Amino acid sequence: MSRVALVTGGTRGIGAAISTALNAAGYKVAASYAGNDEKANAFKEETGIPVYKWDVSDTEASAAGIAKVEADLGPVEVLINNAGITKDGMFHKMTAEQWHAVINTNLNSLFNMCRPVIEGMRAANFGRIINISSVNGQKGQMGQSNYSAAKAGDLGFTKALAQENAFKGITVNAICPGYIGTEMVRAVPQNVLENNILPQIPVGRLGEPEEIARCVVFLASDDAGFITGSTLSANGGQVMD
């Protein structure tokens, strides 16, 4: 029987690649999204993967969304916390709204998503939780104090939750992508890409969403059962940690 995998932010960019790869690997995939109905419906039509709409920064909405997924597909056995936003700005000009919006979506969402599924995973003696952090959570980034703080927090959460649940057959790992060739990154002006971004990456190119997706498929598999509390850096050598 296929395992149920839930991917937050799973209809666009890296999340869409993850959802598609897990579906191809035989999982029953649910992809959540927050706001873009047109993109989500197009993704559903293209892939056949069911989509569910809620805001992962909302505790009650997340619990209700997960309950709907489980009613439709069965208990969530693999959870990919991929949803995230940016609201960049230098800290001395940053507003409270910019700070809290990013912390709530990129960090507090891990509580909102993991809490409703963790007891079921413990009862089943199996679970896979994979948190998509960022290279900027490892090294920091000018103009992203909110984002860097949240993504670094994801790593601490990963290690703590892994320790609590390893003996229950649940692994908890993080992936830190570097610059990935999503729609957003490819919209950066070519001169900025060539002069400012690519020189930071030893392999000399952007990553592809599918390369992150393959990391997820491995960590979700039975073959990765001895890996927990780990951070997998997929950044072309930009940060070697």
Protein backbone atom coordinates (compact mmCIF):
# COMPACT_ATOMS: atom_id res chain seq x y z
CA MET A 1 0.00 0.00 0.00
CA SER A 2 1.40 3.40 -0.99
CA ARG A 3 2.48 5.75 1.78
CA VAL A 4 0.81 9.13 2.08
CA ALA A 5 3.08 12.14 1.61
CA LEU A 6 2.05 15.74 2.26
CA VAL A 7 4.08 18.54 0.68
CA THR A 8 3.45 22.10 1.84
CA GLY A 9 3.92 24.75 -0.82
CA GLY A 10 3.72 21.75 -3.08
CA THR A 11 2.30 23.22 -6.29
CA ARG A 12 5.05 25.61 -7.39
CA GLY A 13 8.83 25.76 -7.67
CA ILE A 14 10.80 23.32 -5.53
CA GLY A 15 7.58 22.09 -3.92
CA ALA A 16 6.07 21.13 -7.26
CA ALA A 17 9.21 19.18 -8.15
CA ILE A 18 9.05 17.39 -4.79
CA SER A 19 5.37 16.52 -5.19
CA THR A 20 5.95 15.23 -8.71
CA ALA A 21 8.99 13.15 -7.73
CA LEU A 22 7.24 11.54 -4.76
CA ASN A 23 4.23 10.78 -6.95
CA ALA A 24 6.51 9.13 -9.52
CA ALA A 25 8.12 7.10 -6.71
CA GLY A 26 4.73 5.63 -5.81
CA TYR A 27 3.58 7.78 -2.90
CA LYS A 28 0.03 9.06 -2.54
CA VAL A 29 0.82 12.77 -2.59
CA ALA A 30 -1.17 15.72 -1.31
CA ALA A 31 0.14 19.18 -2.20
CA SER A 32 -0.91 22.16 -0.10
CA TYR A 33 -0.79 25.78 -1.19
CA ALA A 34 -1.69 29.15 0.28
CA GLY A 35 -3.08 31.46 -2.35
CA ASN A 36 -2.55 31.00 -6.07
CA ASP A 37 -5.62 29.05 -7.16
CA GLU A 38 -4.78 29.32 -10.86
CA LYS A 39 -1.31 27.79 -10.47
CA ALA A 40 -2.58 25.13 -8.07
CA ASN A 41 -5.41 24.04 -10.34
CA ALA A 42 -3.06 23.93 -13.33
CA PHE A 43 -0.68 21.75 -11.31
CA LYS A 44 -3.51 19.43 -10.35
CA GLU A 45 -4.67 19.14 -13.96
CA GLU A 46 -1.15 18.45 -15.20
CA THR A 47 -0.11 15.90 -12.57
CA GLY A 48 -3.32 14.44 -11.14
CA ILE A 49 -2.01 15.22 -7.64
CA PRO A 50 -4.77 16.48 -5.31
CA VAL A 51 -4.27 20.00 -3.94
CA TYR A 52 -5.45 21.52 -0.67
CA LYS A 53 -5.56 25.19 0.28
CA TRP A 54 -4.62 26.55 3.69
CA ASP A 55 -2.19 28.94 5.37
CA VAL A 56 0.51 26.95 7.17
CA SER A 57 1.09 29.87 9.54
CA ASP A 58 -2.44 29.35 10.91
CA THR A 59 -2.53 26.61 13.57
CA GLU A 60 -6.24 25.81 13.28
CA ALA A 61 -6.26 25.94 9.48
CA SER A 62 -3.30 23.58 9.35
CA ALA A 63 -4.97 21.06 11.67
CA ALA A 64 -8.16 21.22 9.60
CA GLY A 65 -6.22 20.88 6.34
CA ILE A 66 -4.31 17.85 7.57
CA ALA A 67 -7.56 16.26 8.79
CA LYS A 68 -9.02 16.70 5.30
CA VAL A 69 -5.96 15.13 3.67
CA GLU A 70 -6.08 12.18 6.03
CA ALA A 71 -9.79 11.70 5.48
CA ASP A 72 -9.19 11.59 1.73
CA LEU A 73 -5.92 9.65 1.51
CA GLY A 74 -5.11 8.13 4.91
CA PRO A 75 -2.69 9.00 7.72
CA VAL A 76 0.21 11.23 6.72
CA GLU A 77 3.38 9.14 6.91
CA VAL A 78 5.75 11.50 5.08
CA LEU A 79 5.64 15.26 5.72
CA ILE A 80 7.66 17.74 3.67
CA ASN A 81 7.67 21.22 5.21
CA ASN A 82 8.54 23.25 2.14
CA ALA A 83 6.22 26.28 2.27
CA GLY A 84 8.03 29.56 2.75
CA ILE A 85 7.95 33.27 1.99
CA THR A 86 10.39 36.16 1.88
CA LYS A 87 9.86 39.76 2.96
CA ASP A 88 13.37 41.12 2.61
CA GLY A 89 14.74 44.35 3.96
CA MET A 90 17.65 45.69 5.96
CA PHE A 91 16.93 45.13 9.65
CA HIS A 92 17.13 48.81 10.60
CA LYS A 93 14.24 49.42 8.18
CA MET A 94 12.34 46.16 8.73
CA THR A 95 8.76 46.36 9.98
CA ALA A 96 7.19 44.12 12.59
CA GLU A 97 4.87 42.79 9.88
CA GLN A 98 7.84 41.74 7.72
CA TRP A 99 9.45 40.00 10.69
CA HIS A 100 6.41 38.16 12.01
CA ALA A 101 5.05 37.13 8.61
CA VAL A 102 8.30 35.33 7.72
CA ILE A 103 8.79 33.79 11.17
CA ASN A 104 5.20 32.57 11.25
CA THR A 105 5.27 31.02 7.77
CA ASN A 106 8.82 29.68 7.70
CA LEU A 107 9.30 28.57 11.32
CA ASN A 108 6.07 28.47 13.32
CA SER A 109 4.50 26.45 10.51
CA LEU A 110 6.71 23.52 11.53
CA PHE A 111 4.81 23.30 14.81
CA ASN A 112 1.49 23.74 13.02
CA MET A 113 2.23 20.94 10.56
CA CYS A 114 4.16 18.47 12.70
CA ARG A 115 2.01 18.56 15.82
CA PRO A 116 -1.13 17.08 14.19
CA VAL A 117 0.80 14.17 12.59
CA ILE A 118 3.47 13.27 15.12
CA GLU A 119 1.26 11.19 17.41
CA GLY A 120 -0.01 9.12 14.50
CA MET A 121 3.54 8.54 13.31
CA ARG A 122 4.58 7.47 16.81
CA ALA A 123 1.65 5.06 17.07
CA ALA A 124 2.58 3.56 13.68
CA ASN A 125 6.30 3.36 14.57
CA PHE A 126 7.10 5.03 11.26
CA GLY A 127 7.41 8.53 9.92
CA ARG A 128 9.49 10.77 7.72
CA ILE A 129 9.65 14.52 8.32
CA ILE A 130 11.80 16.58 5.95
CA ASN A 131 12.17 20.30 6.53
CA ILE A 132 13.31 22.50 3.64
CA SER A 133 15.61 25.10 5.18
CA SER A 134 18.09 27.22 3.20
CA VAL A 135 21.74 27.97 2.69
CA ASN A 136 20.90 31.37 4.20
CA GLY A 137 19.87 29.64 7.41
CA GLN A 138 23.41 28.28 7.56
CA LYS A 139 25.40 31.38 6.64
CA GLY A 140 23.01 34.32 7.06
CA GLN A 141 22.21 36.82 4.32
CA MET A 142 22.21 40.60 4.25
CA GLY A 143 18.65 41.92 4.04
CA GLN A 144 17.20 38.63 5.29
CA SER A 145 17.52 38.69 9.07
CA ASN A 146 13.93 37.42 9.34
CA TYR A 147 14.38 34.67 6.73
CA SER A 148 17.81 33.60 7.98
CA ALA A 149 16.54 33.44 11.57
CA ALA A 150 13.56 31.31 10.58
CA LYS A 151 15.59 28.94 8.42
CA ALA A 152 18.24 28.54 11.12
CA GLY A 153 15.41 27.83 13.57
CA ASP A 154 14.22 25.07 11.25
CA LEU A 155 17.56 23.33 11.74
CA GLY A 156 17.38 23.45 15.53
CA PHE A 157 13.81 22.15 15.43
CA THR A 158 14.90 19.31 13.13
CA LYS A 159 17.62 18.14 15.51
CA ALA A 160 15.43 18.29 18.60
CA LEU A 161 12.46 16.50 17.02
CA ALA A 162 14.79 13.86 15.61
CA GLN A 163 16.14 13.08 19.08
CA GLU A 164 12.66 12.79 20.56
CA ASN A 165 11.32 10.38 17.96
CA ALA A 166 14.19 8.26 16.64
CA PHE A 167 13.27 5.26 18.80
CA LYS A 168 9.76 5.36 17.32
CA GLY A 169 11.00 4.78 13.78
CA ILE A 170 10.56 8.43 12.80
CA THR A 171 13.37 10.27 11.06
CA VAL A 172 13.54 14.06 10.91
CA ASN A 173 15.99 15.70 8.53
CA ALA A 174 16.56 19.04 6.85
CA ILE A 175 17.66 20.02 3.37
CA CYS A 176 19.36 23.37 2.75
CA PRO A 177 19.05 24.34 -0.92
CA GLY A 178 21.29 27.02 -2.36
CA TYR A 179 20.32 29.08 -5.39
CA ILE A 180 17.83 26.97 -7.33
CA GLY A 181 16.56 27.79 -10.81
CA THR A 182 12.96 28.44 -9.87
CA GLU A 183 10.75 30.95 -11.65
CA MET A 184 11.60 33.53 -8.98
CA VAL A 185 15.37 33.12 -9.23
CA ARG A 186 15.36 33.03 -13.05
CA ALA A 187 13.55 36.38 -13.00
CA VAL A 188 16.67 38.00 -11.53
CA PRO A 189 18.35 40.24 -14.14
CA GLN A 190 20.94 38.31 -16.14
CA ASN A 191 23.78 40.66 -15.22
CA VAL A 192 23.03 40.22 -11.50
CA LEU A 193 22.88 36.46 -11.94
CA GLU A 194 26.19 36.31 -13.81
CA ASN A 195 28.11 38.90 -11.80
CA ASN A 196 26.79 38.47 -8.26
CA ILE A 197 25.21 35.05 -7.81
CA LEU A 198 26.99 32.48 -9.97
CA PRO A 199 30.49 33.49 -8.80
CA GLN A 200 29.47 32.41 -5.28
CA ILE A 201 28.71 28.85 -6.48
CA PRO A 202 31.77 26.66 -7.07
CA VAL A 203 29.98 24.37 -9.54
CA GLY A 204 29.20 27.47 -11.60
CA ARG A 205 25.47 27.05 -12.11
CA LEU A 206 22.10 27.21 -10.43
CA GLY A 207 20.64 24.05 -8.98
CA GLU A 208 17.48 22.56 -10.44
CA PRO A 209 14.29 21.92 -8.44
CA GLU A 210 14.47 18.26 -9.45
CA GLU A 211 17.86 17.95 -7.71
CA ILE A 212 16.27 18.96 -4.41
CA ALA A 213 13.35 16.63 -5.10
CA ARG A 214 15.70 13.67 -5.51
CA CYS A 215 17.20 14.43 -2.09
CA VAL A 216 13.70 14.37 -0.61
CA VAL A 217 12.79 11.06 -2.26
CA PHE A 218 15.90 9.46 -0.78
CA LEU A 219 15.36 10.81 2.74
CA ALA A 220 11.72 9.67 2.60
CA SER A 221 12.68 6.13 1.65
CA ASP A 222 13.30 3.06 3.78
CA ASP A 223 16.92 3.20 2.61
CA ALA A 224 17.41 6.38 4.68
CA GLY A 225 16.20 4.87 7.95
CA PHE A 226 19.58 5.34 9.67
CA ILE A 227 19.75 9.04 8.82
CA THR A 228 18.08 11.42 11.26
CA GLY A 229 18.78 14.85 12.69
CA SER A 230 20.93 15.56 9.64
CA THR A 231 21.25 18.61 7.40
CA LEU A 232 21.79 17.88 3.73
CA SER A 233 23.39 20.83 1.96
CA ALA A 234 22.49 21.01 -1.73
CA ASN A 235 24.08 24.28 -2.80
CA GLY A 236 26.76 23.56 -5.40
CA GLY A 237 29.51 24.06 -2.83
CA GLN A 238 28.48 27.58 -1.83
CA VAL A 239 28.62 26.62 1.85
CA MET A 240 30.52 23.47 2.84
CA ASP A 241 29.18 22.36 6.19
